[in-house]
Amino acid sequence: MKWLDSLPLPLLVVLAVWMAAAPITPEPHLIEKLRMLSQGSLTRPLDIFDLCLHLAPALILGLRLLRQYGPRKN
């Protein structure tokens, strides 16, 4: 997990926010895909890929923050 620790935190924050908000109009893809998932209409492979693509930076940021600030084992 050394590669994850070497990623700059400010870059990950900017990338996660940008991918979560893109495209801004008419509605961010992440919001659209999460709504489709909750309604059960997220079935097309392209939509599933799009959801994964827009969530990936946020997940990487979460892992990075967990490794940096999470509970430590002695």
PDB file of N, CA and C in Angstrom:
ATOM      1  N   MET A   1       0.816  -1.195   0.000  1.00  0.00           N
ATOM      2  CA  MET A   1       0.000   0.000   0.000  1.00  0.00           C
ATOM      3  C   MET A   1       0.863   1.264   0.000  1.00  0.00           C
ATOM      4  N   LYS A   2       2.142   1.090  -0.282  1.00  0.00           N
ATOM      5  CA  LYS A   2       3.044   2.242  -0.324  1.00  0.00           C
ATOM      6  C   LYS A   2       2.634   3.233  -1.412  1.00  0.00           C
ATOM      7  N   TRP A   3       2.090   2.723  -2.508  1.00  0.00           N
ATOM      8  CA  TRP A   3       1.658   3.596  -3.603  1.00  0.00           C
ATOM      9  C   TRP A   3       0.533   4.523  -3.141  1.00  0.00           C
ATOM     10  N   LEU A   4      -0.343   4.007  -2.297  1.00  0.00           N
ATOM     11  CA  LEU A   4      -1.457   4.806  -1.801  1.00  0.00           C
ATOM     12  C   LEU A   4      -0.965   5.910  -0.870  1.00  0.00           C
ATOM     13  N   ASP A   5       0.010   5.587  -0.035  1.00  0.00           N
ATOM     14  CA  ASP A   5       0.562   6.581   0.888  1.00  0.00           C
ATOM     15  C   ASP A   5       1.340   7.663   0.152  1.00  0.00           C
ATOM     16  N   SER A   6       1.836   7.356  -1.037  1.00  0.00           N
ATOM     17  CA  SER A   6       2.640   8.333  -1.772  1.00  0.00           C
ATOM     18  C   SER A   6       1.789   9.319  -2.578  1.00  0.00           C
ATOM     19  N   LEU A   7       0.488   9.060  -2.720  1.00  0.00           N
ATOM     20  CA  LEU A   7      -0.375   9.980  -3.464  1.00  0.00           C
ATOM     21  C   LEU A   7      -0.595  11.254  -2.652  1.00  0.00           C
ATOM     22  N   PRO A   8      -0.420  12.426  -3.289  1.00  0.00           N
ATOM     23  CA  PRO A   8      -0.617  13.681  -2.560  1.00  0.00           C
ATOM     24  C   PRO A   8      -2.091  13.881  -2.182  1.00  0.00           C
ATOM     25  N   LEU A   9      -2.311  14.170  -0.922  1.00  0.00           N
ATOM     26  CA  LEU A   9      -3.665  14.326  -0.404  1.00  0.00           C
ATOM     27  C   LEU A   9      -4.436  15.464  -1.075  1.00  0.00           C
ATOM     28  N   PRO A  10      -3.841  16.646  -1.285  1.00  0.00           N
ATOM     29  CA  PRO A  10      -4.605  17.725  -1.959  1.00  0.00           C
ATOM     30  C   PRO A  10      -5.049  17.330  -3.371  1.00  0.00           C
ATOM     31  N   LEU A  11      -4.214  16.618  -4.088  1.00  0.00           N
ATOM     32  CA  LEU A  11      -4.575  16.165  -5.428  1.00  0.00           C
ATOM     33  C   LEU A  11      -5.757  15.201  -5.377  1.00  0.00           C
ATOM     34  N   LEU A  12      -5.752  14.298  -4.424  1.00  0.00           N
ATOM     35  CA  LEU A  12      -6.860  13.347  -4.286  1.00  0.00           C
ATOM     36  C   LEU A  12      -8.166  14.058  -3.935  1.00  0.00           C
ATOM     37  N   VAL A  13      -8.087  15.062  -3.086  1.00  0.00           N
ATOM     38  CA  VAL A  13      -9.297  15.809  -2.708  1.00  0.00           C
ATOM     39  C   VAL A  13      -9.874  16.518  -3.925  1.00  0.00           C
ATOM     40  N   VAL A  14      -9.020  17.203  -4.679  1.00  0.00           N
ATOM     41  CA  VAL A  14      -9.480  17.928  -5.868  1.00  0.00           C
ATOM     42  C   VAL A  14     -10.063  16.959  -6.892  1.00  0.00           C
ATOM     43  N   LEU A  15      -9.387  15.854  -7.118  1.00  0.00           N
ATOM     44  CA  LEU A  15      -9.862  14.867  -8.093  1.00  0.00           C
ATOM     45  C   LEU A  15     -11.199  14.249  -7.665  1.00  0.00           C
ATOM     46  N   ALA A  16     -11.339  13.930  -6.386  1.00  0.00           N
ATOM     47  CA  ALA A  16     -12.579  13.332  -5.892  1.00  0.00           C
ATOM     48  C   ALA A  16     -13.752  14.298  -6.020  1.00  0.00           C
ATOM     49  N   VAL A  17     -13.529  15.558  -5.670  1.00  0.00           N
ATOM     50  CA  VAL A  17     -14.600  16.556  -5.774  1.00  0.00           C
ATOM     51  C   VAL A  17     -14.953  16.799  -7.236  1.00  0.00           C
ATOM     52  N   TRP A  18     -13.939  16.903  -8.072  1.00  0.00           N
ATOM     53  CA  TRP A  18     -14.168  17.168  -9.498  1.00  0.00           C
ATOM     54  C   TRP A  18     -14.949  16.025 -10.157  1.00  0.00           C
ATOM     55  N   MET A  19     -14.558  14.779  -9.871  1.00  0.00           N
ATOM     56  CA  MET A  19     -15.248  13.642 -10.482  1.00  0.00           C
ATOM     57  C   MET A  19     -16.657  13.457  -9.914  1.00  0.00           C
ATOM     58  N   ALA A  20     -16.858  13.831  -8.659  1.00  0.00           N
ATOM     59  CA  ALA A  20     -18.196  13.722  -8.078  1.00  0.00           C
ATOM     60  C   ALA A  20     -19.137  14.773  -8.656  1.00  0.00           C
ATOM     61  N   ALA A  21     -18.599  15.932  -9.048  1.00  0.00           N
ATOM     62  CA  ALA A  21     -19.439  17.019  -9.540  1.00  0.00           C
ATOM     63  C   ALA A  21     -19.568  17.046 -11.061  1.00  0.00           C
ATOM     64  N   ALA A  22     -18.724  16.336 -11.766  1.00  0.00           N
ATOM     65  CA  ALA A  22     -18.724  16.403 -13.242  1.00  0.00           C
ATOM     66  C   ALA A  22     -19.846  15.570 -13.831  1.00  0.00           C
ATOM     67  N   PRO A  23     -20.473  15.954 -14.862  1.00  0.00           N
ATOM     68  CA  PRO A  23     -20.633  17.319 -15.347  1.00  0.00           C
ATOM     69  C   PRO A  23     -21.642  18.044 -14.471  1.00  0.00           C
ATOM     70  N   ILE A  24     -21.455  19.309 -14.338  1.00  0.00           N
ATOM     71  CA  ILE A  24     -22.291  20.087 -13.408  1.00  0.00           C
ATOM     72  C   ILE A  24     -23.721  20.234 -13.922  1.00  0.00           C
ATOM     73  N   THR A  25     -23.885  20.450 -15.210  1.00  0.00           N
ATOM     74  CA  THR A  25     -25.236  20.590 -15.764  1.00  0.00           C
ATOM     75  C   THR A  25     -25.529  19.432 -16.695  1.00  0.00           C
ATOM     76  N   PRO A  26     -26.684  18.919 -16.791  1.00  0.00           N
ATOM     77  CA  PRO A  26     -27.872  19.285 -16.035  1.00  0.00           C
ATOM     78  C   PRO A  26     -27.856  18.691 -14.630  1.00  0.00           C
ATOM     79  N   GLU A  27     -27.080  17.607 -14.417  1.00  0.00           N
ATOM     80  CA  GLU A  27     -27.010  16.972 -13.110  1.00  0.00           C
ATOM     81  C   GLU A  27     -25.720  16.163 -13.059  1.00  0.00           C
ATOM     82  N   PRO A  28     -25.005  16.180 -11.924  1.00  0.00           N
ATOM     83  CA  PRO A  28     -23.783  15.378 -11.836  1.00  0.00           C
ATOM     84  C   PRO A  28     -24.072  13.891 -12.062  1.00  0.00           C
ATOM     85  N   HIS A  29     -23.181  13.244 -12.807  1.00  0.00           N
ATOM     86  CA  HIS A  29     -23.367  11.821 -13.110  1.00  0.00           C
ATOM     87  C   HIS A  29     -23.470  10.981 -11.839  1.00  0.00           C
ATOM     88  N   LEU A  30     -22.682  11.328 -10.840  1.00  0.00           N
ATOM     89  CA  LEU A  30     -22.697  10.535  -9.612  1.00  0.00           C
ATOM     90  C   LEU A  30     -24.073  10.546  -8.958  1.00  0.00           C
ATOM     91  N   ILE A  31     -24.700  11.703  -8.889  1.00  0.00           N
ATOM     92  CA  ILE A  31     -26.046  11.808  -8.317  1.00  0.00           C
ATOM     93  C   ILE A  31     -27.037  11.013  -9.169  1.00  0.00           C
ATOM     94  N   GLU A  32     -26.924  11.171 -10.473  1.00  0.00           N
ATOM     95  CA  GLU A  32     -27.825  10.461 -11.391  1.00  0.00           C
ATOM     96  C   GLU A  32     -27.690   8.945 -11.242  1.00  0.00           C
ATOM     97  N   LYS A  33     -26.447   8.459 -11.205  1.00  0.00           N
ATOM     98  CA  LYS A  33     -26.223   7.010 -11.123  1.00  0.00           C
ATOM     99  C   LYS A  33     -26.627   6.465  -9.755  1.00  0.00           C
ATOM    100  N   LEU A  34     -26.398   7.213  -8.695  1.00  0.00           N
ATOM    101  CA  LEU A  34     -26.822   6.749  -7.370  1.00  0.00           C
ATOM    102  C   LEU A  34     -28.344   6.699  -7.269  1.00  0.00           C
ATOM    103  N   ARG A  35     -29.032   7.663  -7.912  1.00  0.00           N
ATOM    104  CA  ARG A  35     -30.497   7.626  -7.937  1.00  0.00           C
ATOM    105  C   ARG A  35     -30.970   6.408  -8.725  1.00  0.00           C
ATOM    106  N   MET A  36     -30.326   6.159  -9.870  1.00  0.00           N
ATOM    107  CA  MET A  36     -30.687   4.983 -10.666  1.00  0.00           C
ATOM    108  C   MET A  36     -30.463   3.703  -9.870  1.00  0.00           C
ATOM    109  N   LEU A  37     -29.375   3.647  -9.099  1.00  0.00           N
ATOM    110  CA  LEU A  37     -29.088   2.473  -8.277  1.00  0.00           C
ATOM    111  C   LEU A  37     -30.168   2.276  -7.214  1.00  0.00           C
ATOM    112  N   SER A  38     -30.590   3.360  -6.572  1.00  0.00           N
ATOM    113  CA  SER A  38     -31.614   3.238  -5.529  1.00  0.00           C
ATOM    114  C   SER A  38     -32.978   2.861  -6.096  1.00  0.00           C
ATOM    115  N   GLN A  39     -33.234   3.250  -7.355  1.00  0.00           N
ATOM    116  CA  GLN A  39     -34.509   2.922  -8.001  1.00  0.00           C
ATOM    117  C   GLN A  39     -34.480   1.549  -8.673  1.00  0.00           C
ATOM    118  N   GLY A  40     -33.299   0.945  -8.749  1.00  0.00           N
ATOM    119  CA  GLY A  40     -33.181  -0.366  -9.384  1.00  0.00           C
ATOM    120  C   GLY A  40     -33.100  -0.309 -10.896  1.00  0.00           C
ATOM    121  N   SER A  41     -32.812   0.866 -11.460  1.00  0.00           N
ATOM    122  CA  SER A  41     -32.752   0.978 -12.919  1.00  0.00           C
ATOM    123  C   SER A  41     -31.320   1.063 -13.440  1.00  0.00           C
ATOM    124  N   LEU A  42     -30.348   0.801 -12.593  1.00  0.00           N
ATOM    125  CA  LEU A  42     -28.942   0.818 -13.011  1.00  0.00           C
ATOM    126  C   LEU A  42     -28.593  -0.571 -13.546  1.00  0.00           C
ATOM    127  N   THR A  43     -28.872  -0.804 -14.819  1.00  0.00           N
ATOM    128  CA  THR A  43     -28.684  -2.140 -15.387  1.00  0.00           C
ATOM    129  C   THR A  43     -27.720  -2.171 -16.564  1.00  0.00           C
ATOM    130  N   ARG A  44     -27.587  -1.057 -17.267  1.00  0.00           N
ATOM    131  CA  ARG A  44     -26.706  -1.043 -18.431  1.00  0.00           C
ATOM    132  C   ARG A  44     -25.246  -1.059 -17.993  1.00  0.00           C
ATOM    133  N   PRO A  45     -24.398  -1.858 -18.648  1.00  0.00           N
ATOM    134  CA  PRO A  45     -22.983  -1.906 -18.275  1.00  0.00           C
ATOM    135  C   PRO A  45     -22.295  -0.541 -18.335  1.00  0.00           C
ATOM    136  N   LEU A  46     -22.669   0.291 -19.289  1.00  0.00           N
ATOM    137  CA  LEU A  46     -22.063   1.617 -19.389  1.00  0.00           C
ATOM    138  C   LEU A  46     -22.400   2.469 -18.172  1.00  0.00           C
ATOM    139  N   ASP A  47     -23.615   2.365 -17.671  1.00  0.00           N
ATOM    140  CA  ASP A  47     -24.006   3.123 -16.482  1.00  0.00           C
ATOM    141  C   ASP A  47     -23.263   2.619 -15.243  1.00  0.00           C
ATOM    142  N   ILE A  48     -23.086   1.316 -15.136  1.00  0.00           N
ATOM    143  CA  ILE A  48     -22.356   0.743 -14.005  1.00  0.00           C
ATOM    144  C   ILE A  48     -20.898   1.184 -14.050  1.00  0.00           C
ATOM    145  N   PHE A  49     -20.303   1.166 -15.250  1.00  0.00           N
ATOM    146  CA  PHE A  49     -18.933   1.639 -15.421  1.00  0.00           C
ATOM    147  C   PHE A  49     -18.830   3.114 -15.051  1.00  0.00           C
ATOM    148  N   ASP A  50     -19.787   3.908 -15.477  1.00  0.00           N
ATOM    149  CA  ASP A  50     -19.792   5.339 -15.188  1.00  0.00           C
ATOM    150  C   ASP A  50     -19.864   5.591 -13.677  1.00  0.00           C
ATOM    151  N   LEU A  51     -20.679   4.833 -12.976  1.00  0.00           N
ATOM    152  CA  LEU A  51     -20.771   4.951 -11.525  1.00  0.00           C
ATOM    153  C   LEU A  51     -19.422   4.626 -10.888  1.00  0.00           C
ATOM    154  N   CYS A  52     -18.806   3.541 -11.317  1.00  0.00           N
ATOM    155  CA  CYS A  52     -17.495   3.155 -10.774  1.00  0.00           C
ATOM    156  C   CYS A  52     -16.439   4.208 -11.077  1.00  0.00           C
ATOM    157  N   LEU A  53     -16.467   4.752 -12.284  1.00  0.00           N
ATOM    158  CA  LEU A  53     -15.504   5.771 -12.686  1.00  0.00           C
ATOM    159  C   LEU A  53     -15.630   7.027 -11.831  1.00  0.00           C
ATOM    160  N   HIS A  54     -16.839   7.460 -11.556  1.00  0.00           N
ATOM    161  CA  HIS A  54     -17.041   8.676 -10.782  1.00  0.00           C
ATOM    162  C   HIS A  54     -16.846   8.452  -9.279  1.00  0.00           C
ATOM    163  N   LEU A  55     -16.979   7.220  -8.807  1.00  0.00           N
ATOM    164  CA  LEU A  55     -16.775   6.918  -7.385  1.00  0.00           C
ATOM    165  C   LEU A  55     -15.331   6.571  -7.039  1.00  0.00           C
ATOM    166  N   ALA A  56     -14.560   6.126  -8.008  1.00  0.00           N
ATOM    167  CA  ALA A  56     -13.201   5.644  -7.743  1.00  0.00           C
ATOM    168  C   ALA A  56     -12.324   6.655  -7.003  1.00  0.00           C
ATOM    169  N   PRO A  57     -12.243   7.914  -7.442  1.00  0.00           N
ATOM    170  CA  PRO A  57     -11.385   8.850  -6.699  1.00  0.00           C
ATOM    171  C   PRO A  57     -11.835   9.054  -5.251  1.00  0.00           C
ATOM    172  N   ALA A  58     -13.126   9.064  -5.001  1.00  0.00           N
ATOM    173  CA  ALA A  58     -13.626   9.224  -3.627  1.00  0.00           C
ATOM    174  C   ALA A  58     -13.257   8.004  -2.779  1.00  0.00           C
ATOM    175  N   LEU A  59     -13.325   6.827  -3.358  1.00  0.00           N
ATOM    176  CA  LEU A  59     -12.943   5.614  -2.626  1.00  0.00           C
ATOM    177  C   LEU A  59     -11.451   5.598  -2.328  1.00  0.00           C
ATOM    178  N   ILE A  60     -10.635   6.009  -3.295  1.00  0.00           N
ATOM    179  CA  ILE A  60      -9.191   6.074  -3.078  1.00  0.00           C
ATOM    180  C   ILE A  60      -8.869   7.110  -2.001  1.00  0.00           C
ATOM    181  N   LEU A  61      -9.549   8.245  -2.044  1.00  0.00           N
ATOM    182  CA  LEU A  61      -9.358   9.265  -1.011  1.00  0.00           C
ATOM    183  C   LEU A  61      -9.744   8.719   0.361  1.00  0.00           C
ATOM    184  N   GLY A  62     -10.848   8.011   0.436  1.00  0.00           N
ATOM    185  CA  GLY A  62     -11.280   7.425   1.708  1.00  0.00           C
ATOM    186  C   GLY A  62     -10.267   6.430   2.250  1.00  0.00           C
ATOM    187  N   LEU A  63      -9.723   5.593   1.390  1.00  0.00           N
ATOM    188  CA  LEU A  63      -8.693   4.638   1.821  1.00  0.00           C
ATOM    189  C   LEU A  63      -7.441   5.359   2.294  1.00  0.00           C
ATOM    190  N   ARG A  64      -7.063   6.393   1.564  1.00  0.00           N
ATOM    191  CA  ARG A  64      -5.867   7.168   1.925  1.00  0.00           C
ATOM    192  C   ARG A  64      -6.052   7.834   3.283  1.00  0.00           C
ATOM    193  N   LEU A  65      -7.220   8.425   3.518  1.00  0.00           N
ATOM    194  CA  LEU A  65      -7.489   9.066   4.805  1.00  0.00           C
ATOM    195  C   LEU A  65      -7.564   8.048   5.938  1.00  0.00           C
ATOM    196  N   LEU A  66      -8.142   6.896   5.658  1.00  0.00           N
ATOM    197  CA  LEU A  66      -8.219   5.843   6.669  1.00  0.00           C
ATOM    198  C   LEU A  66      -6.832   5.352   7.053  1.00  0.00           C
ATOM    199  N   ARG A  67      -5.964   5.189   6.061  1.00  0.00           N
ATOM    200  CA  ARG A  67      -4.600   4.751   6.358  1.00  0.00           C
ATOM    201  C   ARG A  67      -3.821   5.816   7.108  1.00  0.00           C
ATOM    202  N   GLN A  68      -4.074   7.083   6.824  1.00  0.00           N
ATOM    203  CA  GLN A  68      -3.311   8.150   7.463  1.00  0.00           C
ATOM    204  C   GLN A  68      -3.838   8.481   8.855  1.00  0.00           C
ATOM    205  N   TYR A  69      -5.164   8.539   9.005  1.00  0.00           N
ATOM    206  CA  TYR A  69      -5.749   8.998  10.262  1.00  0.00           C
ATOM    207  C   TYR A  69      -6.538   7.936  11.018  1.00  0.00           C
ATOM    208  N   GLY A  70      -6.660   6.756  10.462  1.00  0.00           N
ATOM    209  CA  GLY A  70      -7.448   5.705  11.091  1.00  0.00           C
ATOM    210  C   GLY A  70      -6.755   5.093  12.294  1.00  0.00           C
ATOM    211  N   PRO A  71      -7.397   4.116  12.895  1.00  0.00           N
ATOM    212  CA  PRO A  71      -6.809   3.463  14.076  1.00  0.00           C
ATOM    213  C   PRO A  71      -5.507   2.752  13.713  1.00  0.00           C
ATOM    214  N   ARG A  72      -4.565   2.859  14.581  1.00  0.00           N
ATOM    215  CA  ARG A  72      -3.246   2.255  14.350  1.00  0.00           C
ATOM    216  C   ARG A  72      -3.128   0.982  15.170  1.00  0.00           C
ATOM    217  N   LYS A  73      -2.493  -0.027  14.577  1.00  0.00           N
ATOM    218  CA  LYS A  73      -2.204  -1.275  15.295  1.00  0.00           C
ATOM    219  C   LYS A  73      -0.734  -1.268  15.699  1.00  0.00           C
ATOM    220  N   ASN A  74      -0.474  -1.629  16.941  1.00  0.00           N
ATOM    221  CA  ASN A  74       0.920  -1.625  17.433  1.00  0.00           C
ATOM    222  C   ASN A  74       1.657  -2.840  17.021  1.00  0.00           C
TER     223      ASN A  74
END
